[in-house]
Full PDB file with SEQRES, HELIX, SHEET, SSBOND, CRYST1, ORIGX, SCALE, CONECT and MASTER records, all heavy atoms in Angstrom:
SEQRES   1 A   39  LEU ASP ALA ASN THR SER THR CYS PHE LEU THR ASP GLU          
SEQRES   2 A   39  LEU TRP LEU LEU GLU ASP LEU ILE VAL VAL GLN PRO THR          
SEQRES   3 A   39  GLY GLU LEU ALA SER PRO ASP ALA LEU ASP GLU ASP ASP          
HELIX    1 AA1 LEU A   17  ASP A   19  5                                   3    
HELIX    2 AA2 PRO A   32  GLU A   37  1                                   6    
SHEET    1 AA1 2 THR A   5  THR A   7  0                                        
SHEET    2 AA1 2 LEU A  14  LEU A  16 -1                                        
SHEET    1 AA2 2 ILE A  21  VAL A  23  0                                        
SHEET    2 AA2 2 GLU A  28  ALA A  30 -1                                        
CRYST1    1.000    1.000    1.000  90.00  90.00  90.00 P 1           1          
ORIGX1      1.000000  0.000000  0.000000        0.00000                         
ORIGX2      0.000000  1.000000  0.000000        0.00000                         
ORIGX3      0.000000  0.000000  1.000000        0.00000                         
SCALE1      1.000000  0.000000  0.000000        0.00000                         
SCALE2      0.000000  1.000000  0.000000        0.00000                         
SCALE3      0.000000  0.000000  1.000000        0.00000                         
ATOM      1  N   LEU A   1     -36.592-104.207 102.383  1.00  0.00           N  
ATOM      2  CA  LEU A   1     -36.095-102.993 101.776  1.00  0.00           C  
ATOM      3  C   LEU A   1     -35.388-103.320 100.526  1.00  0.00           C  
ATOM      4  O   LEU A   1     -35.659-102.778  99.398  1.00  0.00           O  
ATOM      5  CB  LEU A   1     -35.255-102.183 102.779  1.00  0.00           C  
ATOM      6  CG  LEU A   1     -34.957-100.723 102.297  1.00  0.00           C  
ATOM      7  CD1 LEU A   1     -36.194 -99.861 102.162  1.00  0.00           C  
ATOM      8  CD2 LEU A   1     -33.917-100.048 103.252  1.00  0.00           C  
ATOM      9  N   ASP A   2     -34.363-104.137 100.586  1.00  0.00           N  
ATOM     10  CA  ASP A   2     -33.443-104.470  99.477  1.00  0.00           C  
ATOM     11  C   ASP A   2     -34.249-105.085  98.248  1.00  0.00           C  
ATOM     12  O   ASP A   2     -33.948-104.781  97.122  1.00  0.00           O  
ATOM     13  CB  ASP A   2     -32.374-105.411  99.850  1.00  0.00           C  
ATOM     14  CG  ASP A   2     -31.443-104.823 100.816  1.00  0.00           C  
ATOM     15  OD1 ASP A   2     -31.328-103.429 100.856  1.00  0.00           O  
ATOM     16  OD2 ASP A   2     -30.648-105.426 101.533  1.00  0.00           O  
ATOM     17  N   ALA A   3     -35.219-105.913  98.544  1.00  0.00           N  
ATOM     18  CA  ALA A   3     -35.919-106.579  97.455  1.00  0.00           C  
ATOM     19  C   ALA A   3     -37.022-105.752  96.820  1.00  0.00           C  
ATOM     20  O   ALA A   3     -37.464-106.056  95.734  1.00  0.00           O  
ATOM     21  CB  ALA A   3     -36.567-107.885  98.058  1.00  0.00           C  
ATOM     22  N   ASN A   4     -37.415-104.635  97.493  1.00  0.00           N  
ATOM     23  CA  ASN A   4     -38.625-103.906  96.982  1.00  0.00           C  
ATOM     24  C   ASN A   4     -38.327-102.414  96.739  1.00  0.00           C  
ATOM     25  O   ASN A   4     -39.210-101.707  96.284  1.00  0.00           O  
ATOM     26  CB  ASN A   4     -39.732-104.078  97.990  1.00  0.00           C  
ATOM     27  CG  ASN A   4     -40.271-105.433  98.102  1.00  0.00           C  
ATOM     28  OD1 ASN A   4     -41.078-105.801  97.233  1.00  0.00           O  
ATOM     29  ND2 ASN A   4     -39.884-106.181  99.057  1.00  0.00           N  
ATOM     30  N   THR A   5     -37.136-101.955  96.934  1.00  0.00           N  
ATOM     31  CA  THR A   5     -36.860-100.561  96.702  1.00  0.00           C  
ATOM     32  C   THR A   5     -35.492-100.325  95.933  1.00  0.00           C  
ATOM     33  O   THR A   5     -34.729-101.261  95.877  1.00  0.00           O  
ATOM     34  CB  THR A   5     -36.685 -99.803  98.034  1.00  0.00           C  
ATOM     35  OG1 THR A   5     -35.580-100.284  98.747  1.00  0.00           O  
ATOM     36  CG2 THR A   5     -38.010 -99.991  98.875  1.00  0.00           C  
ATOM     37  N   SER A   6     -35.412 -99.163  95.397  1.00  0.00           N  
ATOM     38  CA  SER A   6     -34.147 -98.750  94.807  1.00  0.00           C  
ATOM     39  C   SER A   6     -34.059 -97.228  94.837  1.00  0.00           C  
ATOM     40  O   SER A   6     -35.079 -96.564  95.110  1.00  0.00           O  
ATOM     41  CB  SER A   6     -34.063 -99.247  93.351  1.00  0.00           C  
ATOM     42  OG  SER A   6     -32.729 -99.062  92.831  1.00  0.00           O  
ATOM     43  N   THR A   7     -32.934 -96.655  94.436  1.00  0.00           N  
ATOM     44  CA  THR A   7     -32.714 -95.238  94.542  1.00  0.00           C  
ATOM     45  C   THR A   7     -32.845 -94.680  93.119  1.00  0.00           C  
ATOM     46  O   THR A   7     -32.285 -95.253  92.168  1.00  0.00           O  
ATOM     47  CB  THR A   7     -31.322 -94.936  95.086  1.00  0.00           C  
ATOM     48  OG1 THR A   7     -31.171 -95.476  96.371  1.00  0.00           O  
ATOM     49  CG2 THR A   7     -31.107 -93.438  95.171  1.00  0.00           C  
ATOM     50  N   CYS A   8     -33.554 -93.560  93.050  1.00  0.00           N  
ATOM     51  CA  CYS A   8     -33.653 -92.782  91.782  1.00  0.00           C  
ATOM     52  C   CYS A   8     -32.230 -92.183  91.516  1.00  0.00           C  
ATOM     53  O   CYS A   8     -31.747 -91.451  92.324  1.00  0.00           O  
ATOM     54  CB  CYS A   8     -34.699 -91.713  91.888  1.00  0.00           C  
ATOM     55  SG  CYS A   8     -34.734 -90.557  90.533  1.00  0.00           S  
ATOM     56  N   PHE A   9     -31.708 -92.542  90.332  1.00  0.00           N  
ATOM     57  CA  PHE A   9     -30.285 -92.042  90.085  1.00  0.00           C  
ATOM     58  C   PHE A   9     -30.235 -90.511  89.840  1.00  0.00           C  
ATOM     59  O   PHE A   9     -29.178 -89.974  89.850  1.00  0.00           O  
ATOM     60  CB  PHE A   9     -29.747 -92.792  88.858  1.00  0.00           C  
ATOM     61  CG  PHE A   9     -30.128 -92.309  87.473  1.00  0.00           C  
ATOM     62  CD1 PHE A   9     -29.332 -91.384  86.805  1.00  0.00           C  
ATOM     63  CD2 PHE A   9     -31.351 -92.699  86.886  1.00  0.00           C  
ATOM     64  CE1 PHE A   9     -29.686 -90.896  85.542  1.00  0.00           C  
ATOM     65  CE2 PHE A   9     -31.741 -92.212  85.666  1.00  0.00           C  
ATOM     66  CZ  PHE A   9     -30.883 -91.340  84.930  1.00  0.00           C  
ATOM     67  N   LEU A  10     -31.478 -89.849  89.619  1.00  0.00           N  
ATOM     68  CA  LEU A  10     -31.361 -88.483  89.413  1.00  0.00           C  
ATOM     69  C   LEU A  10     -31.565 -87.676  90.679  1.00  0.00           C  
ATOM     70  O   LEU A  10     -31.093 -86.540  90.819  1.00  0.00           O  
ATOM     71  CB  LEU A  10     -32.596 -88.093  88.488  1.00  0.00           C  
ATOM     72  CG  LEU A  10     -32.523 -88.569  87.042  1.00  0.00           C  
ATOM     73  CD1 LEU A  10     -33.794 -88.209  86.226  1.00  0.00           C  
ATOM     74  CD2 LEU A  10     -31.343 -87.874  86.281  1.00  0.00           C  
ATOM     75  N   THR A  11     -32.213 -88.213  91.697  1.00  0.00           N  
ATOM     76  CA  THR A  11     -32.476 -87.494  92.967  1.00  0.00           C  
ATOM     77  C   THR A  11     -31.933 -88.128  94.214  1.00  0.00           C  
ATOM     78  O   THR A  11     -31.887 -87.540  95.274  1.00  0.00           O  
ATOM     79  CB  THR A  11     -34.020 -87.322  93.126  1.00  0.00           C  
ATOM     80  OG1 THR A  11     -34.588 -88.627  93.333  1.00  0.00           O  
ATOM     81  CG2 THR A  11     -34.661 -86.664  91.983  1.00  0.00           C  
ATOM     82  N   ASP A  12     -31.529 -89.416  94.061  1.00  0.00           N  
ATOM     83  CA  ASP A  12     -31.017 -90.201  95.235  1.00  0.00           C  
ATOM     84  C   ASP A  12     -32.110 -90.479  96.259  1.00  0.00           C  
ATOM     85  O   ASP A  12     -31.813 -90.864  97.400  1.00  0.00           O  
ATOM     86  CB  ASP A  12     -29.816 -89.473  95.914  1.00  0.00           C  
ATOM     87  CG  ASP A  12     -28.573 -89.463  95.093  1.00  0.00           C  
ATOM     88  OD1 ASP A  12     -28.413 -90.430  94.334  1.00  0.00           O  
ATOM     89  OD2 ASP A  12     -27.797 -88.484  95.257  1.00  0.00           O  
ATOM     90  N   GLU A  13     -33.351 -90.323  95.952  1.00  0.00           N  
ATOM     91  CA  GLU A  13     -34.496 -90.663  96.852  1.00  0.00           C  
ATOM     92  C   GLU A  13     -34.739 -92.121  96.714  1.00  0.00           C  
ATOM     93  O   GLU A  13     -34.668 -92.703  95.609  1.00  0.00           O  
ATOM     94  CB  GLU A  13     -35.746 -89.885  96.413  1.00  0.00           C  
ATOM     95  CG  GLU A  13     -35.655 -88.382  96.634  1.00  0.00           C  
ATOM     96  CD  GLU A  13     -36.977 -87.685  96.238  1.00  0.00           C  
ATOM     97  OE1 GLU A  13     -37.478 -87.999  95.177  1.00  0.00           O  
ATOM     98  OE2 GLU A  13     -37.420 -86.807  97.021  1.00  0.00           O  
ATOM     99  N   LEU A  14     -35.185 -92.689  97.870  1.00  0.00           N  
ATOM    100  CA  LEU A  14     -35.534 -94.086  97.900  1.00  0.00           C  
ATOM    101  C   LEU A  14     -37.023 -94.246  97.463  1.00  0.00           C  
ATOM    102  O   LEU A  14     -37.841 -93.697  97.978  1.00  0.00           O  
ATOM    103  CB  LEU A  14     -35.289 -94.602  99.318  1.00  0.00           C  
ATOM    104  CG  LEU A  14     -35.314 -96.135  99.490  1.00  0.00           C  
ATOM    105  CD1 LEU A  14     -34.214 -96.810  98.739  1.00  0.00           C  
ATOM    106  CD2 LEU A  14     -35.239 -96.434 101.057  1.00  0.00           C  
ATOM    107  N   TRP A  15     -37.157 -95.125  96.452  1.00  0.00           N  
ATOM    108  CA  TRP A  15     -38.492 -95.380  95.887  1.00  0.00           C  
ATOM    109  C   TRP A  15     -38.830 -96.878  95.935  1.00  0.00           C  
ATOM    110  O   TRP A  15     -37.946 -97.725  95.945  1.00  0.00           O  
ATOM    111  CB  TRP A  15     -38.485 -94.882  94.419  1.00  0.00           C  
ATOM    112  CG  TRP A  15     -38.897 -93.415  94.279  1.00  0.00           C  
ATOM    113  CD1 TRP A  15     -38.002 -92.370  94.670  1.00  0.00           C  
ATOM    114  CD2 TRP A  15     -40.022 -92.898  93.764  1.00  0.00           C  
ATOM    115  NE1 TRP A  15     -38.700 -91.215  94.331  1.00  0.00           N  
ATOM    116  CE2 TRP A  15     -39.937 -91.427  93.801  1.00  0.00           C  
ATOM    117  CE3 TRP A  15     -41.228 -93.464  93.232  1.00  0.00           C  
ATOM    118  CZ2 TRP A  15     -40.934 -90.583  93.346  1.00  0.00           C  
ATOM    119  CZ3 TRP A  15     -42.183 -92.576  92.775  1.00  0.00           C  
ATOM    120  CH2 TRP A  15     -42.054 -91.210  92.831  1.00  0.00           C  
ATOM    121  N   LEU A  16     -40.143 -97.091  95.879  1.00  0.00           N  
ATOM    122  CA  LEU A  16     -40.613 -98.405  95.611  1.00  0.00           C  
ATOM    123  C   LEU A  16     -40.184 -98.825  94.223  1.00  0.00           C  
ATOM    124  O   LEU A  16     -40.312 -98.117  93.301  1.00  0.00           O  
ATOM    125  CB  LEU A  16     -42.109 -98.586  95.772  1.00  0.00           C  
ATOM    126  CG  LEU A  16     -42.665 -98.573  97.198  1.00  0.00           C  
ATOM    127  CD1 LEU A  16     -44.214 -98.676  97.087  1.00  0.00           C  
ATOM    128  CD2 LEU A  16     -42.128 -99.733  98.000  1.00  0.00           C  
ATOM    129  N   LEU A  17     -39.598-100.090  94.181  1.00  0.00           N  
ATOM    130  CA  LEU A  17     -39.072-100.548  92.891  1.00  0.00           C  
ATOM    131  C   LEU A  17     -40.155-100.592  91.771  1.00  0.00           C  
ATOM    132  O   LEU A  17     -39.861-100.275  90.637  1.00  0.00           O  
ATOM    133  CB  LEU A  17     -38.477-101.948  93.118  1.00  0.00           C  
ATOM    134  CG  LEU A  17     -37.701-102.494  91.901  1.00  0.00           C  
ATOM    135  CD1 LEU A  17     -36.470-101.555  91.638  1.00  0.00           C  
ATOM    136  CD2 LEU A  17     -37.155-103.987  92.271  1.00  0.00           C  
ATOM    137  N   GLU A  18     -41.342-100.959  92.203  1.00  0.00           N  
ATOM    138  CA  GLU A  18     -42.432-101.149  91.205  1.00  0.00           C  
ATOM    139  C   GLU A  18     -42.847 -99.759  90.560  1.00  0.00           C  
ATOM    140  O   GLU A  18     -43.499 -99.764  89.488  1.00  0.00           O  
ATOM    141  CB  GLU A  18     -43.630-101.808  91.858  1.00  0.00           C  
ATOM    142  CG  GLU A  18     -44.234-100.983  92.919  1.00  0.00           C  
ATOM    143  CD  GLU A  18     -45.389-101.688  93.621  1.00  0.00           C  
ATOM    144  OE1 GLU A  18     -45.267-102.956  93.780  1.00  0.00           O  
ATOM    145  OE2 GLU A  18     -46.335-101.006  94.069  1.00  0.00           O  
ATOM    146  N   ASP A  19     -42.467 -98.735  91.178  1.00  0.00           N  
ATOM    147  CA  ASP A  19     -42.839 -97.402  90.653  1.00  0.00           C  
ATOM    148  C   ASP A  19     -41.755 -96.655  89.923  1.00  0.00           C  
ATOM    149  O   ASP A  19     -41.933 -95.567  89.395  1.00  0.00           O  
ATOM    150  CB  ASP A  19     -43.366 -96.442  91.771  1.00  0.00           C  
ATOM    151  CG  ASP A  19     -44.735 -96.975  92.322  1.00  0.00           C  
ATOM    152  OD1 ASP A  19     -45.514 -97.586  91.511  1.00  0.00           O  
ATOM    153  OD2 ASP A  19     -45.047 -96.664  93.492  1.00  0.00           O  
ATOM    154  N   LEU A  20     -40.558 -97.220  89.883  1.00  0.00           N  
ATOM    155  CA  LEU A  20     -39.455 -96.612  89.189  1.00  0.00           C  
ATOM    156  C   LEU A  20     -39.498 -96.995  87.658  1.00  0.00           C  
ATOM    157  O   LEU A  20     -40.061 -98.015  87.228  1.00  0.00           O  
ATOM    158  CB  LEU A  20     -38.130 -97.089  89.804  1.00  0.00           C  
ATOM    159  CG  LEU A  20     -37.751 -96.565  91.213  1.00  0.00           C  
ATOM    160  CD1 LEU A  20     -36.558 -97.295  91.739  1.00  0.00           C  
ATOM    161  CD2 LEU A  20     -37.617 -95.043  91.111  1.00  0.00           C  
ATOM    162  N   ILE A  21     -38.861 -96.173  86.854  1.00  0.00           N  
ATOM    163  CA  ILE A  21     -38.830 -96.323  85.454  1.00  0.00           C  
ATOM    164  C   ILE A  21     -37.496 -96.604  84.908  1.00  0.00           C  
ATOM    165  O   ILE A  21     -36.461 -95.949  85.316  1.00  0.00           O  
ATOM    166  CB  ILE A  21     -39.441 -95.070  84.711  1.00  0.00           C  
ATOM    167  CG1 ILE A  21     -40.880 -94.868  85.126  1.00  0.00           C  
ATOM    168  CG2 ILE A  21     -39.258 -95.152  83.192  1.00  0.00           C  
ATOM    169  CD1 ILE A  21     -41.434 -93.547  84.696  1.00  0.00           C  
ATOM    170  N   VAL A  22     -37.338 -97.547  84.081  1.00  0.00           N  
ATOM    171  CA  VAL A  22     -36.019 -97.962  83.494  1.00  0.00           C  
ATOM    172  C   VAL A  22     -35.695 -96.957  82.268  1.00  0.00           C  
ATOM    173  O   VAL A  22     -36.475 -96.741  81.393  1.00  0.00           O  
ATOM    174  CB  VAL A  22     -36.056 -99.348  82.943  1.00  0.00           C  
ATOM    175  CG1 VAL A  22     -34.621 -99.697  82.350  1.00  0.00           C  
ATOM    176  CG2 VAL A  22     -36.338-100.371  84.078  1.00  0.00           C  
ATOM    177  N   VAL A  23     -34.554 -96.397  82.431  1.00  0.00           N  
ATOM    178  CA  VAL A  23     -34.121 -95.430  81.343  1.00  0.00           C  
ATOM    179  C   VAL A  23     -33.130 -96.167  80.455  1.00  0.00           C  
ATOM    180  O   VAL A  23     -32.109 -96.763  80.924  1.00  0.00           O  
ATOM    181  CB  VAL A  23     -33.394 -94.155  82.001  1.00  0.00           C  
ATOM    182  CG1 VAL A  23     -32.856 -93.222  80.848  1.00  0.00           C  
ATOM    183  CG2 VAL A  23     -34.372 -93.422  82.869  1.00  0.00           C  
ATOM    184  N   GLN A  24     -33.449 -96.157  79.172  1.00  0.00           N  
ATOM    185  CA  GLN A  24     -32.643 -96.843  78.155  1.00  0.00           C  
ATOM    186  C   GLN A  24     -31.555 -95.912  77.597  1.00  0.00           C  
ATOM    187  O   GLN A  24     -31.770 -94.683  77.562  1.00  0.00           O  
ATOM    188  CB  GLN A  24     -33.530 -97.372  77.092  1.00  0.00           C  
ATOM    189  CG  GLN A  24     -34.628 -98.345  77.538  1.00  0.00           C  
ATOM    190  CD  GLN A  24     -34.061 -99.665  78.095  1.00  0.00           C  
ATOM    191  OE1 GLN A  24     -32.851 -99.917  78.021  1.00  0.00           O  
ATOM    192  NE2 GLN A  24     -34.959-100.395  78.749  1.00  0.00           N  
ATOM    193  N   PRO A  25     -30.428 -96.407  77.144  1.00  0.00           N  
ATOM    194  CA  PRO A  25     -30.060 -97.826  77.107  1.00  0.00           C  
ATOM    195  C   PRO A  25     -29.319 -98.280  78.331  1.00  0.00           C  
ATOM    196  O   PRO A  25     -28.772 -99.415  78.364  1.00  0.00           O  
ATOM    197  CB  PRO A  25     -29.188 -97.916  75.849  1.00  0.00           C  
ATOM    198  CG  PRO A  25     -28.544 -96.614  75.788  1.00  0.00           C  
ATOM    199  CD  PRO A  25     -29.511 -95.585  76.322  1.00  0.00           C  
ATOM    200  N   THR A  26     -29.088 -97.379  79.313  1.00  0.00           N  
ATOM    201  CA  THR A  26     -28.173 -97.613  80.417  1.00  0.00           C  
ATOM    202  C   THR A  26     -28.875 -98.575  81.474  1.00  0.00           C  
ATOM    203  O   THR A  26     -28.127 -99.202  82.206  1.00  0.00           O  
ATOM    204  CB  THR A  26     -27.828 -96.369  81.176  1.00  0.00           C  
ATOM    205  OG1 THR A  26     -29.058 -95.719  81.688  1.00  0.00           O  
ATOM    206  CG2 THR A  26     -27.083 -95.378  80.188  1.00  0.00           C  
ATOM    207  N   GLY A  27     -30.148 -98.634  81.533  1.00  0.00           N  
ATOM    208  CA  GLY A  27     -30.862 -99.471  82.489  1.00  0.00           C  
ATOM    209  C   GLY A  27     -30.928 -98.810  83.841  1.00  0.00           C  
ATOM    210  O   GLY A  27     -31.369 -99.445  84.898  1.00  0.00           O  
ATOM    211  N   GLU A  28     -30.615 -97.486  83.986  1.00  0.00           N  
ATOM    212  CA  GLU A  28     -30.679 -96.842  85.242  1.00  0.00           C  
ATOM    213  C   GLU A  28     -32.184 -96.624  85.653  1.00  0.00           C  
ATOM    214  O   GLU A  28     -33.092 -96.517  84.710  1.00  0.00           O  
ATOM    215  CB  GLU A  28     -29.957 -95.513  85.131  1.00  0.00           C  
ATOM    216  CG  GLU A  28     -28.462 -95.640  84.957  1.00  0.00           C  
ATOM    217  CD  GLU A  28     -27.752 -94.296  84.744  1.00  0.00           C  
ATOM    218  OE1 GLU A  28     -28.050 -93.643  83.728  1.00  0.00           O  
ATOM    219  OE2 GLU A  28     -27.023 -93.870  85.625  1.00  0.00           O  
ATOM    220  N   LEU A  29     -32.389 -96.486  86.918  1.00  0.00           N  
ATOM    221  CA  LEU A  29     -33.829 -96.334  87.462  1.00  0.00           C  
ATOM    222  C   LEU A  29     -33.961 -94.916  87.913  1.00  0.00           C  
ATOM    223  O   LEU A  29     -33.271 -94.389  88.612  1.00  0.00           O  
ATOM    224  CB  LEU A  29     -34.077 -97.334  88.609  1.00  0.00           C  
ATOM    225  CG  LEU A  29     -33.914 -98.753  88.300  1.00  0.00           C  
ATOM    226  CD1 LEU A  29     -34.071 -99.746  89.520  1.00  0.00           C  
ATOM    227  CD2 LEU A  29     -34.964 -99.193  87.297  1.00  0.00           C  
ATOM    228  N   ALA A  30     -35.205 -94.363  87.467  1.00  0.00           N  
ATOM    229  CA  ALA A  30     -35.563 -93.038  87.825  1.00  0.00           C  
ATOM    230  C   ALA A  30     -36.977 -92.950  88.168  1.00  0.00           C  
ATOM    231  O   ALA A  30     -37.768 -93.741  87.711  1.00  0.00           O  
ATOM    232  CB  ALA A  30     -35.189 -92.081  86.634  1.00  0.00           C  
ATOM    233  N   SER A  31     -37.325 -91.996  89.095  1.00  0.00           N  
ATOM    234  CA  SER A  31     -38.669 -91.839  89.460  1.00  0.00           C  
ATOM    235  C   SER A  31     -39.441 -91.063  88.385  1.00  0.00           C  
ATOM    236  O   SER A  31     -38.887 -90.307  87.629  1.00  0.00           O  
ATOM    237  CB  SER A  31     -38.741 -91.045  90.737  1.00  0.00           C  
ATOM    238  OG  SER A  31     -38.418 -89.675  90.611  1.00  0.00           O  
ATOM    239  N   PRO A  32     -40.760 -91.296  88.294  1.00  0.00           N  
ATOM    240  CA  PRO A  32     -41.522 -90.586  87.261  1.00  0.00           C  
ATOM    241  C   PRO A  32     -41.522 -89.120  87.466  1.00  0.00           C  
ATOM    242  O   PRO A  32     -41.440 -88.323  86.602  1.00  0.00           O  
ATOM    243  CB  PRO A  32     -42.921 -91.165  87.410  1.00  0.00           C  
ATOM    244  CG  PRO A  32     -42.929 -91.877  88.742  1.00  0.00           C  
ATOM    245  CD  PRO A  32     -41.545 -92.284  88.956  1.00  0.00           C  
ATOM    246  N   ASP A  33     -41.409 -88.653  88.779  1.00  0.00           N  
ATOM    247  CA  ASP A  33     -41.370 -87.290  89.101  1.00  0.00           C  
ATOM    248  C   ASP A  33     -40.137 -86.611  88.507  1.00  0.00           C  
ATOM    249  O   ASP A  33     -40.204 -85.507  88.039  1.00  0.00           O  
ATOM    250  CB  ASP A  33     -41.489 -87.048  90.590  1.00  0.00           C  
ATOM    251  CG  ASP A  33     -42.849 -87.393  91.142  1.00  0.00           C  
ATOM    252  OD1 ASP A  33     -43.792 -87.649  90.382  1.00  0.00           O  
ATOM    253  OD2 ASP A  33     -42.985 -87.539  92.466  1.00  0.00           O  
ATOM    254  N   ALA A  34     -39.005 -87.255  88.851  1.00  0.00           N  
ATOM    255  CA  ALA A  34     -37.719 -86.780  88.333  1.00  0.00           C  
ATOM    256  C   ALA A  34     -37.653 -86.631  86.750  1.00  0.00           C  
ATOM    257  O   ALA A  34     -37.162 -85.674  86.231  1.00  0.00           O  
ATOM    258  CB  ALA A  34     -36.592 -87.661  88.873  1.00  0.00           C  
ATOM    259  N   LEU A  35     -38.186 -87.664  86.093  1.00  0.00           N  
ATOM    260  CA  LEU A  35     -38.144 -87.630  84.703  1.00  0.00           C  
ATOM    261  C   LEU A  35     -39.014 -86.516  84.170  1.00  0.00           C  
ATOM    262  O   LEU A  35     -38.692 -85.886  83.131  1.00  0.00           O  
ATOM    263  CB  LEU A  35     -38.606 -89.000  84.097  1.00  0.00           C  
ATOM    264  CG  LEU A  35     -37.646 -90.166  84.310  1.00  0.00           C  
ATOM    265  CD1 LEU A  35     -38.258 -91.456  83.879  1.00  0.00           C  
ATOM    266  CD2 LEU A  35     -36.324 -89.916  83.579  1.00  0.00           C  
ATOM    267  N   ASP A  36     -40.208 -86.280  84.703  1.00  0.00           N  
ATOM    268  CA  ASP A  36     -41.073 -85.263  84.309  1.00  0.00           C  
ATOM    269  C   ASP A  36     -40.467 -83.877  84.464  1.00  0.00           C  
ATOM    270  O   ASP A  36     -40.723 -82.978  83.652  1.00  0.00           O  
ATOM    271  CB  ASP A  36     -42.364 -85.284  85.018  1.00  0.00           C  
ATOM    272  CG  ASP A  36     -43.288 -86.484  84.590  1.00  0.00           C  
ATOM    273  OD1 ASP A  36     -43.015 -86.967  83.483  1.00  0.00           O  
ATOM    274  OD2 ASP A  36     -44.196 -86.895  85.329  1.00  0.00           O  
ATOM    275  N   GLU A  37     -39.630 -83.708  85.384  1.00  0.00           N  
ATOM    276  CA  GLU A  37     -39.034 -82.412  85.683  1.00  0.00           C  
ATOM    277  C   GLU A  37     -37.626 -82.136  85.007  1.00  0.00           C  
ATOM    278  O   GLU A  37     -37.191 -81.039  84.941  1.00  0.00           O  
ATOM    279  CB  GLU A  37     -38.781 -82.240  87.229  1.00  0.00           C  
ATOM    280  CG  GLU A  37     -40.078 -82.264  87.993  1.00  0.00           C  
ATOM    281  CD  GLU A  37     -39.901 -82.310  89.502  1.00  0.00           C  
ATOM    282  OE1 GLU A  37     -38.687 -82.322  89.928  1.00  0.00           O  
ATOM    283  OE2 GLU A  37     -40.816 -82.282  90.311  1.00  0.00           O  
ATOM    284  N   ASP A  38     -37.143 -83.131  84.371  1.00  0.00           N  
ATOM    285  CA  ASP A  38     -35.804 -83.057  83.685  1.00  0.00           C  
ATOM    286  C   ASP A  38     -35.995 -83.135  82.221  1.00  0.00           C  
ATOM    287  O   ASP A  38     -36.337 -84.145  81.664  1.00  0.00           O  
ATOM    288  CB  ASP A  38     -34.844 -84.169  84.212  1.00  0.00           C  
ATOM    289  CG  ASP A  38     -33.404 -83.871  83.818  1.00  0.00           C  
ATOM    290  OD1 ASP A  38     -33.178 -83.302  82.811  1.00  0.00           O  
ATOM    291  OD2 ASP A  38     -32.540 -84.388  84.516  1.00  0.00           O  
ATOM    292  N   ASP A  39     -35.718 -82.026  81.496  1.00  0.00           N  
ATOM    293  CA  ASP A  39     -35.936 -81.951  80.134  1.00  0.00           C  
ATOM    294  C   ASP A  39     -34.885 -82.696  79.353  1.00  0.00           C  
ATOM    295  O   ASP A  39     -35.079 -82.945  78.090  1.00  0.00           O  
ATOM    296  CB  ASP A  39     -35.830 -80.443  79.650  1.00  0.00           C  
ATOM    297  CG  ASP A  39     -37.027 -79.685  80.215  1.00  0.00           C  
ATOM    298  OD1 ASP A  39     -38.107 -80.241  80.452  1.00  0.00           O  
ATOM    299  OD2 ASP A  39     -36.918 -78.400  80.213  1.00  0.00           O  
TER     300      ASP A  39                                                      
MASTER        0    0    0    2    4    0    0    6  299    1    0    3          
END                                                                             
């Protein structure tokens, strides 16, 4: 779990690390679904 997942900082949902997106310049991780829904 620890090596392959992380939490989306917008929704607190647990996601596979490989599918999360890095938001610049903070480096926070967000899911593609959350980013698409947040203007």
